[in-house]
C-alpha atoms as a PDB file:
ATOM      1  CA  GLY A   1      26.143   7.304 -16.434  1.00  0.00           C
ATOM      2  CA  ARG A   2      22.814   6.207 -18.950  1.00  0.00           C
ATOM      3  CA  GLY A   3      21.100   4.511 -16.308  1.00  0.00           C
ATOM      4  CA  GLY A   4      21.166   8.015 -14.150  1.00  0.00           C
ATOM      5  CA  ASP A   5      20.348   9.684 -16.910  1.00  0.00           C
ATOM      6  CA  MET A   6      16.979   7.552 -17.926  1.00  0.00           C
ATOM      7  CA  ASP A   7      16.165   7.536 -14.038  1.00  0.00           C
ATOM      8  CA  ARG A   8      16.189  11.443 -14.403  1.00  0.00           C
ATOM      9  CA  GLU A   9      14.409  11.305 -17.202  1.00  0.00           C
ATOM     10  CA  GLY A  10      11.745   8.759 -15.879  1.00  0.00           C
ATOM     11  CA  ARG A  11      11.186  11.084 -12.713  1.00  0.00           C
ATOM     12  CA  THR A  12      10.759  14.196 -14.848  1.00  0.00           C
ATOM     13  CA  LEU A  13       8.025  12.439 -16.885  1.00  0.00           C
ATOM     14  CA  THR A  14       6.543  11.472 -14.020  1.00  0.00           C
ATOM     15  CA  GLU A  15       6.335  15.060 -12.575  1.00  0.00           C
ATOM     16  CA  ASN A  16       5.038  16.511 -15.625  1.00  0.00           C
ATOM     17  CA  ALA A  17       2.578  13.591 -15.759  1.00  0.00           C
ATOM     18  CA  ILE A  18       1.432  14.567 -12.162  1.00  0.00           C
ATOM     19  CA  LYS A  19       1.587  18.505 -13.043  1.00  0.00           C
ATOM     20  CA  ASN A  20      -0.959  17.684 -16.057  1.00  0.00           C
ATOM     21  CA  ILE A  21      -3.470  15.320 -14.028  1.00  0.00           C
ATOM     22  CA  SER A  22      -3.463  18.245 -11.190  1.00  0.00           C
ATOM     23  CA  LEU A  23      -4.232  20.940 -13.472  1.00  0.00           C
ATOM     24  CA  ALA A  24      -7.289  18.723 -15.801  1.00  0.00           C
ATOM     25  CA  ASN A  25      -7.992  18.249 -11.505  1.00  0.00           C
ATOM     26  CA  MET A  26      -8.613  21.704 -11.404  1.00  0.00           C
ATOM     27  CA  TYR A  27     -10.494  22.482 -14.043  1.00  0.00           C
ATOM     28  CA  ASP A  28     -13.085  19.600 -13.285  1.00  0.00           C
ATOM     29  CA  ASN A  29     -12.962  17.776 -10.049  1.00  0.00           C
ATOM     30  CA  SER A  30     -15.576  15.304 -10.805  1.00  0.00           C
ATOM     31  CA  ASN A  31     -13.629  13.611 -13.834  1.00  0.00           C
ATOM     32  CA  ALA A  32     -13.432   9.981 -12.505  1.00  0.00           C
ATOM     33  CA  MET A  33     -10.415   8.772 -14.377  1.00  0.00           C
ATOM     34  CA  VAL A  34      -8.263  11.972 -13.203  1.00  0.00           C
ATOM     35  CA  GLN A  35      -9.529  11.169  -9.205  1.00  0.00           C
ATOM     36  CA  ILE A  36      -8.428   7.347 -10.241  1.00  0.00           C
ATOM     37  CA  HIS A  37      -4.882   8.744 -11.301  1.00  0.00           C
ATOM     38  CA  LEU A  38      -4.466  11.241  -8.399  1.00  0.00           C
ATOM     39  CA  ALA A  39      -5.333   8.588  -6.190  1.00  0.00           C
ATOM     40  CA  ASN A  40      -3.044   6.136  -7.147  1.00  0.00           C
ATOM     41  CA  HIS A  41      -0.147   8.769  -7.022  1.00  0.00           C
ATOM     42  CA  TYR A  42      -1.376   9.458  -3.677  1.00  0.00           C
ATOM     43  CA  PHE A  43      -1.588   6.137  -2.123  1.00  0.00           C
ATOM     44  CA  TRP A  44       2.818   5.881  -2.756  1.00  0.00           C
ATOM     45  CA  LYS A  45       3.345   9.379  -2.043  1.00  0.00           C
ATOM     46  CA  TRP A  46       5.030  10.059   1.057  1.00  0.00           C
ATOM     47  CA  SER A  47       4.169  13.475   2.344  1.00  0.00           C
ATOM     48  CA  GLU A  48       6.678  15.723   4.837  1.00  0.00           C
ATOM     49  CA  VAL A  49       4.890  16.173   8.249  1.00  0.00           C
ATOM     50  CA  PRO A  50       6.019  19.826   9.227  1.00  0.00           C
ATOM     51  CA  THR A  51       8.475  19.899  11.912  1.00  0.00           C
ATOM     52  CA  SER A  52       9.816  23.644  11.455  1.00  0.00           C
ATOM     53  CA  GLY A  53      10.732  24.594  15.252  1.00  0.00           C
ATOM     54  CA  TRP A  54      10.732  21.845  16.674  1.00  0.00           C
ATOM     55  CA  THR A  55      12.672  18.476  17.488  1.00  0.00           C
ATOM     56  CA  VAL A  56      12.139  14.745  16.730  1.00  0.00           C
ATOM     57  CA  SER A  57      14.060  11.982  18.334  1.00  0.00           C
ATOM     58  CA  ILE A  58      14.117   8.426  18.405  1.00  0.00           C
ATOM     59  CA  LYS A  59      15.500   6.004  20.630  1.00  0.00           C
ATOM     60  CA  GLY A  60      14.416   2.040  19.987  1.00  0.00           C
ATOM     61  CA  ASN A  61      10.698   1.996  19.282  1.00  0.00           C
ATOM     62  CA  THR A  62       9.888   5.877  20.704  1.00  0.00           C
ATOM     63  CA  VAL A  63       9.469   8.617  19.420  1.00  0.00           C
ATOM     64  CA  THR A  64       9.766  11.740  21.358  1.00  0.00           C
ATOM     65  CA  THR A  65       8.400  15.441  19.776  1.00  0.00           C
ATOM     66  CA  SER A  66       8.601  18.780  21.311  1.00  0.00           C
ATOM     67  CA  GLU A  67       4.934  19.552  19.894  1.00  0.00           C
ATOM     68  CA  HIS A  68       2.222  17.243  19.179  1.00  0.00           C
ATOM     69  CA  VAL A  69       1.499  15.487  15.804  1.00  0.00           C
ATOM     70  CA  ASP A  70      -1.973  13.332  14.592  1.00  0.00           C
ATOM     71  CA  PHE A  71      -0.728  10.259  14.663  1.00  0.00           C
ATOM     72  CA  TYR A  72      -2.961   7.272  15.712  1.00  0.00           C
ATOM     73  CA  PRO A  73      -2.304   3.654  16.154  1.00  0.00           C
ATOM     74  CA  GLY A  74      -1.936   1.828  12.625  1.00  0.00           C
ATOM     75  CA  ASP A  75      -0.611   4.745  10.535  1.00  0.00           C
ATOM     76  CA  GLU A  76       2.127   3.923   7.807  1.00  0.00           C
ATOM     77  CA  ILE A  77       4.678   6.312   8.676  1.00  0.00           C
ATOM     78  CA  ARG A  78       8.246   7.242   7.747  1.00  0.00           C
ATOM     79  CA  ILE A  79      11.351   8.269   9.840  1.00  0.00           C
ATOM     80  CA  GLY A  80      14.410   9.720   8.194  1.00  0.00           C
ATOM     81  CA  MET A  81      14.808   8.614   4.396  1.00  0.00           C
ATOM     82  CA  ASP A  82      14.495   4.690   5.004  1.00  0.00           C
ATOM     83  CA  PHE A  83      12.749   3.761   8.150  1.00  0.00           C
ATOM     84  CA  ALA A  84       9.520   3.179   7.052  1.00  0.00           C
ATOM     85  CA  THR A  85       7.121   1.477  10.168  1.00  0.00           C
ATOM     86  CA  TYR A  86       3.418   2.012  11.829  1.00  0.00           C
ATOM     87  CA  VAL A  87       2.690   3.775  14.565  1.00  0.00           C
ATOM     88  CA  ARG A  88       1.301   1.800  17.718  1.00  0.00           C
ATOM     89  CA  THR A  89       0.294   3.787  20.483  1.00  0.00           C
ATOM     90  CA  GLU A  90      -0.942   7.364  20.192  1.00  0.00           C
ATOM     91  CA  PRO A  91       1.377  10.806  21.035  1.00  0.00           C
ATOM     92  CA  GLU A  92       0.945  11.455  24.823  1.00  0.00           C
ATOM     93  CA  CYS A  93       2.320  14.433  26.813  1.00  0.00           C
ATOM     94  CA  LEU A  94       5.200  13.469  28.933  1.00  0.00           C
ATOM     95  CA  PRO A  95       4.015  13.723  32.456  1.00  0.00           C
ATOM     96  CA  GLY A  96       5.515  17.068  33.968  1.00  0.00           C
ATOM     97  CA  SER A  97       5.538  18.609  31.015  1.00  0.00           C
ATOM     98  CA  SER A  98       3.481  20.821  28.320  1.00  0.00           C
ATOM     99  CA  SER A  99       5.837  20.646  25.035  1.00  0.00           C
ATOM    100  CA  SER A 100       7.125  17.087  24.757  1.00  0.00           C
ATOM    101  CA  TYR A 101       5.144  13.841  23.489  1.00  0.00           C
ATOM    102  CA  ARG A 102       5.775  10.240  23.212  1.00  0.00           C
ATOM    103  CA  PHE A 103       4.572   7.705  21.199  1.00  0.00           C
ATOM    104  CA  THR A 104       5.689   4.165  19.963  1.00  0.00           C
ATOM    105  CA  VAL A 105       5.821   2.317  16.775  1.00  0.00           C
ATOM    106  CA  ARG A 106       5.738  -1.295  15.563  1.00  0.00           C
ATOM    107  CA  ASP A 107       9.377  -1.769  14.871  1.00  0.00           C
ATOM    108  CA  ARG A 108      13.081  -0.739  16.560  1.00  0.00           C
ATOM    109  CA  LEU A 109      15.560   1.864  15.113  1.00  0.00           C
ATOM    110  CA  PRO A 110      18.962  -0.029  15.089  1.00  0.00           C
ATOM    111  CA  THR A 111      19.979   3.361  16.040  1.00  0.00           C
ATOM    112  CA  PRO A 112      19.422   5.995  18.077  1.00  0.00           C
ATOM    113  CA  LEU A 113      18.725   9.597  15.914  1.00  0.00           C
ATOM    114  CA  ASP A 114      18.058  13.222  16.529  1.00  0.00           C
ATOM    115  CA  GLY A 115      16.302  15.842  14.098  1.00  0.00           C
ATOM    116  CA  ALA A 116      14.854  13.256  12.008  1.00  0.00           C
ATOM    117  CA  THR A 117      11.956  14.106   9.387  1.00  0.00           C
ATOM    118  CA  LEU A 118       8.709  12.703   9.746  1.00  0.00           C
ATOM    119  CA  TRP A 119       6.795  11.546   6.857  1.00  0.00           C
ATOM    120  CA  ARG A 120       3.200  10.000   6.664  1.00  0.00           C
ATOM    121  CA  LYS A 121       0.949   8.486   3.942  1.00  0.00           C
ATOM    122  CA  ASP A 122      -2.361  10.623   3.367  1.00  0.00           C
ATOM    123  CA  TYR A 123      -4.848   7.483   2.690  1.00  0.00           C
ATOM    124  CA  GLU A 124      -7.504  10.057   3.721  1.00  0.00           C
ATOM    125  CA  ARG A 125      -7.037  11.714   0.452  1.00  0.00           C
ATOM    126  CA  VAL A 126      -6.909   8.695  -1.532  1.00  0.00           C
ATOM    127  CA  HIS A 127      -9.901   7.283  -0.230  1.00  0.00           C
ATOM    128  CA  ASP A 128     -11.772  10.643  -0.772  1.00  0.00           C
ATOM    129  CA  MET A 129     -10.285  10.787  -4.201  1.00  0.00           C
ATOM    130  CA  ALA A 130     -11.711   7.089  -4.508  1.00  0.00           C
ATOM    131  CA  ARG A 131     -15.027   7.801  -3.457  1.00  0.00           C
ATOM    132  CA  VAL A 132     -15.433  10.883  -5.712  1.00  0.00           C
ATOM    133  CA  ALA A 133     -14.326   8.745  -8.544  1.00  0.00           C
ATOM    134  CA  TYR A 134     -16.985   6.126  -8.066  1.00  0.00           C
ATOM    135  CA  ASN A 135     -19.435   8.636  -7.672  1.00  0.00           C
ATOM    136  CA  SER A 136     -18.627  10.438 -10.602  1.00  0.00           C
ATOM    137  CA  THR A 137     -19.069   7.797 -13.248  1.00  0.00           C
ATOM    138  CA  SER A 138     -21.601   4.810 -13.797  1.00  0.00           C
ATOM    139  CA  VAL A 139     -18.860   2.925 -16.151  1.00  0.00           C
ATOM    140  CA  PRO A 140     -18.223  -0.047 -14.379  1.00  0.00           C
ATOM    141  CA  GLU A 141     -14.513  -0.762 -15.437  1.00  0.00           C
ATOM    142  CA  ILE A 142     -13.791   3.051 -13.441  1.00  0.00           C
ATOM    143  CA  GLN A 143     -15.873   2.136 -10.665  1.00  0.00           C
ATOM    144  CA  SER A 144     -13.811  -1.234 -10.470  1.00  0.00           C
ATOM    145  CA  GLU A 145     -10.853   0.878 -10.138  1.00  0.00           C
ATOM    146  CA  ALA A 146     -12.362   3.264  -7.558  1.00  0.00           C
ATOM    147  CA  LEU A 147     -13.367   0.291  -5.309  1.00  0.00           C
ATOM    148  CA  TYR A 148     -10.003  -1.322  -5.764  1.00  0.00           C
ATOM    149  CA  LEU A 149      -8.289   1.403  -4.813  1.00  0.00           C
ATOM    150  CA  THR A 150     -10.403   2.335  -1.498  1.00  0.00           C
ATOM    151  CA  GLY A 151      -9.724  -1.868  -0.462  1.00  0.00           C
ATOM    152  CA  ARG A 152      -5.864  -1.138  -0.749  1.00  0.00           C
ATOM    153  CA  VAL A 153      -6.306   2.007   1.467  1.00  0.00           C
ATOM    154  CA  TYR A 154      -8.359  -0.253   3.949  1.00  0.00           C
ATOM    155  CA  HIS A 155      -5.738  -3.136   3.945  1.00  0.00           C
ATOM    156  CA  ALA A 156      -3.130  -0.580   4.241  1.00  0.00           C
ATOM    157  CA  THR A 157      -4.661   0.537   7.444  1.00  0.00           C
ATOM    158  CA  GLY A 158      -5.115  -2.921   8.926  1.00  0.00           C
ATOM    159  CA  ASP A 159      -8.913  -2.915   8.197  1.00  0.00           C
ATOM    160  CA  TYR A 160      -9.423  -6.405   6.494  1.00  0.00           C
ATOM    161  CA  GLU A 161     -13.063  -6.786   6.593  1.00  0.00           C
ATOM    162  CA  ASN A 162     -13.693  -3.735   4.531  1.00  0.00           C
ATOM    163  CA  ALA A 163     -10.804  -4.383   2.632  1.00  0.00           C
ATOM    164  CA  PHE A 164     -12.122  -7.767   1.506  1.00  0.00           C
ATOM    165  CA  LYS A 165     -15.744  -6.557   0.650  1.00  0.00           C
ATOM    166  CA  SER A 166     -14.211  -3.640  -1.680  1.00  0.00           C
ATOM    167  CA  PHE A 167     -11.887  -6.261  -3.288  1.00  0.00           C
ATOM    168  CA  ARG A 168     -14.902  -8.331  -3.529  1.00  0.00           C
ATOM    169  CA  ALA A 169     -17.363  -5.518  -5.169  1.00  0.00           C
ATOM    170  CA  ALA A 170     -13.978  -4.474  -7.213  1.00  0.00           C
ATOM    171  CA  VAL A 171     -14.580  -8.078  -8.863  1.00  0.00           C
ATOM    172  CA  GLU A 172     -17.707  -8.021  -9.171  1.00  0.00           C
ATOM    173  CA  LYS A 173     -17.978  -5.019 -11.179  1.00  0.00           C
ATOM    174  CA  GLN A 174     -14.980  -5.936 -13.042  1.00  0.00           C
ATOM    175  CA  PRO A 175     -13.963  -9.664 -13.241  1.00  0.00           C
ATOM    176  CA  SER A 176     -11.169  -9.073 -15.218  1.00  0.00           C
ATOM    177  CA  LEU A 177      -9.289  -6.724 -12.931  1.00  0.00           C
ATOM    178  CA  THR A 178      -6.302  -8.903 -12.257  1.00  0.00           C
ATOM    179  CA  PRO A 179      -4.909  -7.119  -9.022  1.00  0.00           C
ATOM    180  CA  ALA A 180      -7.970  -6.948  -7.099  1.00  0.00           C
ATOM    181  CA  ARG A 181      -8.553 -10.491  -7.769  1.00  0.00           C
ATOM    182  CA  TYR A 182      -5.318 -11.002  -6.196  1.00  0.00           C
ATOM    183  CA  ALA A 183      -5.906  -8.729  -3.572  1.00  0.00           C
ATOM    184  CA  LEU A 184      -9.042 -11.132  -2.778  1.00  0.00           C
ATOM    185  CA  ALA A 185      -7.030 -14.128  -2.527  1.00  0.00           C
ATOM    186  CA  GLN A 186      -4.468 -12.518  -0.265  1.00  0.00           C
ATOM    187  CA  LEU A 187      -7.341 -11.909   2.297  1.00  0.00           C
ATOM    188  CA  HIS A 188      -9.307 -15.430   1.674  1.00  0.00           C
ATOM    189  CA  CYS A 189      -6.055 -16.374   3.036  1.00  0.00           C
ATOM    190  CA  HIS A 190      -5.802 -14.263   5.985  1.00  0.00           C
ATOM    191  CA  ARG A 191      -9.136 -15.608   6.718  1.00  0.00           C
ATOM    192  CA  GLY A 192      -8.215 -19.014   6.489  1.00  0.00           C
ATOM    193  CA  GLU A 193     -10.470 -19.730   3.679  1.00  0.00           C
ATOM    194  CA  TYR A 194      -8.136 -21.720   1.356  1.00  0.00           C
ATOM    195  CA  GLU A 195     -10.393 -23.371  -1.059  1.00  0.00           C
ATOM    196  CA  GLU A 196     -11.608 -19.646  -1.757  1.00  0.00           C
ATOM    197  CA  ALA A 197      -8.029 -18.385  -2.016  1.00  0.00           C
ATOM    198  CA  LEU A 198      -7.090 -20.795  -4.539  1.00  0.00           C
ATOM    199  CA  ALA A 199     -10.080 -20.351  -6.927  1.00  0.00           C
ATOM    200  CA  ALA A 200      -9.371 -16.741  -6.998  1.00  0.00           C
ATOM    201  CA  ALA A 201      -5.578 -17.272  -7.337  1.00  0.00           C
ATOM    202  CA  GLU A 202      -6.097 -19.756  -9.968  1.00  0.00           C
ATOM    203  CA  GLU A 203      -8.240 -16.993 -11.480  1.00  0.00           C
ATOM    204  CA  VAL A 204      -5.194 -14.216 -11.701  1.00  0.00           C
ATOM    205  CA  CYS A 205      -2.791 -17.098 -13.046  1.00  0.00           C
ATOM    206  CA  LYS A 206      -5.320 -18.129 -15.786  1.00  0.00           C
ATOM    207  CA  THR A 207      -5.409 -14.098 -16.910  1.00  0.00           C
ATOM    208  CA  ARG A 208      -1.517 -14.025 -16.690  1.00  0.00           C
ATOM    209  CA  ASP A 209       0.727 -16.883 -16.228  1.00  0.00           C
ATOM    210  CA  ASP A 210       4.029 -14.787 -16.375  1.00  0.00           C
ATOM    211  CA  LEU A 211       3.364 -12.813 -12.392  1.00  0.00           C
ATOM    212  CA  ALA A 212       5.901 -14.637  -9.893  1.00  0.00           C
ATOM    213  CA  ASP A 213       3.796 -13.131  -7.140  1.00  0.00           C
ATOM    214  CA  ALA A 214       0.595 -14.724  -8.219  1.00  0.00           C
ATOM    215  CA  GLN A 215       2.236 -18.271  -8.984  1.00  0.00           C
ATOM    216  CA  ALA A 216       3.772 -17.674  -5.169  1.00  0.00           C
ATOM    217  CA  LEU A 217       0.534 -16.991  -3.917  1.00  0.00           C
ATOM    218  CA  ARG A 218      -1.231 -19.892  -5.360  1.00  0.00           C
ATOM    219  CA  GLY A 219       1.767 -22.510  -4.805  1.00  0.00           C
ATOM    220  CA  LEU A 220       1.547 -21.324  -0.931  1.00  0.00           C
ATOM    221  CA  ILE A 221      -2.124 -21.878  -0.812  1.00  0.00           C
ATOM    222  CA  LEU A 222      -1.862 -25.255  -2.346  1.00  0.00           C
ATOM    223  CA  ALA A 223       0.752 -26.125   0.154  1.00  0.00           C
ATOM    224  CA  ARG A 224      -1.706 -25.370   3.070  1.00  0.00           C
ATOM    225  CA  LEU A 225      -4.090 -27.352   1.405  1.00  0.00           C
ATOM    226  CA  LYS A 226      -1.796 -30.639   1.613  1.00  0.00           C
ATOM    227  CA  ARG A 227      -1.424 -30.363  -2.392  1.00  0.00           C
ATOM    228  CA  ARG A 228       2.470 -30.035  -2.144  1.00  0.00           C
ATOM    229  CA  THR A 229       3.195 -31.538  -5.789  1.00  0.00           C
ATOM    230  CA  GLN A 230       1.109 -29.073  -7.466  1.00  0.00           C
ATOM    231  CA  ALA A 231       2.895 -26.510  -4.886  1.00  0.00           C
ATOM    232  CA  LEU A 232       6.329 -27.401  -5.906  1.00  0.00           C
ATOM    233  CA  GLY A 233       4.987 -26.378  -9.656  1.00  0.00           C
ATOM    234  CA  CYS A 234       3.924 -23.442  -8.931  1.00  0.00           C
ATOM    235  CA  LEU A 235       6.796 -22.286  -6.139  1.00  0.00           C
ATOM    236  CA  SER A 236       9.253 -23.703  -9.092  1.00  0.00           C
ATOM    237  CA  ARG A 237       7.233 -21.446 -11.947  1.00  0.00           C
ATOM    238  CA  ALA A 238       7.235 -18.414  -9.321  1.00  0.00           C
ATOM    239  CA  ALA A 239      11.168 -19.191  -8.846  1.00  0.00           C
ATOM    240  CA  GLU A 240      11.660 -19.299 -12.608  1.00  0.00           C
ATOM    241  CA  LEU A 241      10.294 -15.795 -13.485  1.00  0.00           C
ATOM    242  CA  THR A 242      12.338 -13.997 -10.803  1.00  0.00           C
ATOM    243  CA  PRO A 243      15.701 -15.636 -11.651  1.00  0.00           C
ATOM    244  CA  TYR A 244      17.787 -13.151  -9.908  1.00  0.00           C
ATOM    245  CA  ASP A 245      15.779 -12.585  -6.770  1.00  0.00           C
ATOM    246  CA  PRO A 246      17.305 -14.873  -3.911  1.00  0.00           C
ATOM    247  CA  ASP A 247      13.829 -14.255  -1.877  1.00  0.00           C
ATOM    248  CA  ALA A 248      11.977 -16.196  -4.755  1.00  0.00           C
ATOM    249  CA  TYR A 249      13.693 -19.653  -3.483  1.00  0.00           C
ATOM    250  CA  LEU A 250      12.922 -19.292   0.277  1.00  0.00           C
ATOM    251  CA  TRP A 251       9.127 -19.368  -0.993  1.00  0.00           C
END
C-alpha cells in the first residue's frame, strides 16, 4: 500500500543521508556539524553483538552465553527484535565451566528463548563524537548541541549528576535549545527541586505551547506543588494535543 511505500522511501532517504554524512566524516572528521549528526544517529542505532558460533539463551531475567560478552551494569541492550532492557549484573563464568557465562537483566522475558540475537547501544561512540564536535568549534549553538547529546548519554546510562551538568551547560550556551531545557526540567524533578523544574518547564511551554510532553511535565510538577487547578489545566492541554494517545488520559 501507499503507507508501506512511504515507509520504505523514508528509510531509503535516511540511509542515503547517513551514507553521505559518513562520507563527509571520512573527508573531515573534525567537522562539528558532521559529528553532531552522526552522534545523534548512533544514539538511536542498535548494533548487533557478534555471536557467530556461540549460543545465547534467556530464561526469566537470566541470560546465558557460551562466550564472554562485554556488558556492564546499566548497559542498555535488546534481546531479539522486541525485548529491550538493562544489564543488572556483569557476566560471570559459571562454576566448573570455562565456556558458559551468565548475567542478569532488569526485566523478565515472558517466555524462555534460545538462539536469540543480542543488540547494544554504542553510547561511547556517541560521547566521543559529541566531545569532538564541542572541541572543533567555537559556535555556541553547535557546542550546545554537543553538550545536549553528552547529557543524553549520561542520562541513558543512569549518570544523572553528569547529565544534569551537561544539560545545564547546554542551556547556558543556548537558552533557546528547548530539548535541553526540557531534559533539565526532568532532572530537577528527579532531584526534588520542583520550583526549579517548574521554571524550566514553563520556559519550554513559552517557546512551544504545542508540546504534549512539556505540558504534561508542567502539570505533574504543579501537582507536586499542590497547585491542582493549574495542574489540571496543563494535563488537559496535553491530552488535547494527543487525542489518540490513551496514555495521555493517565497523566
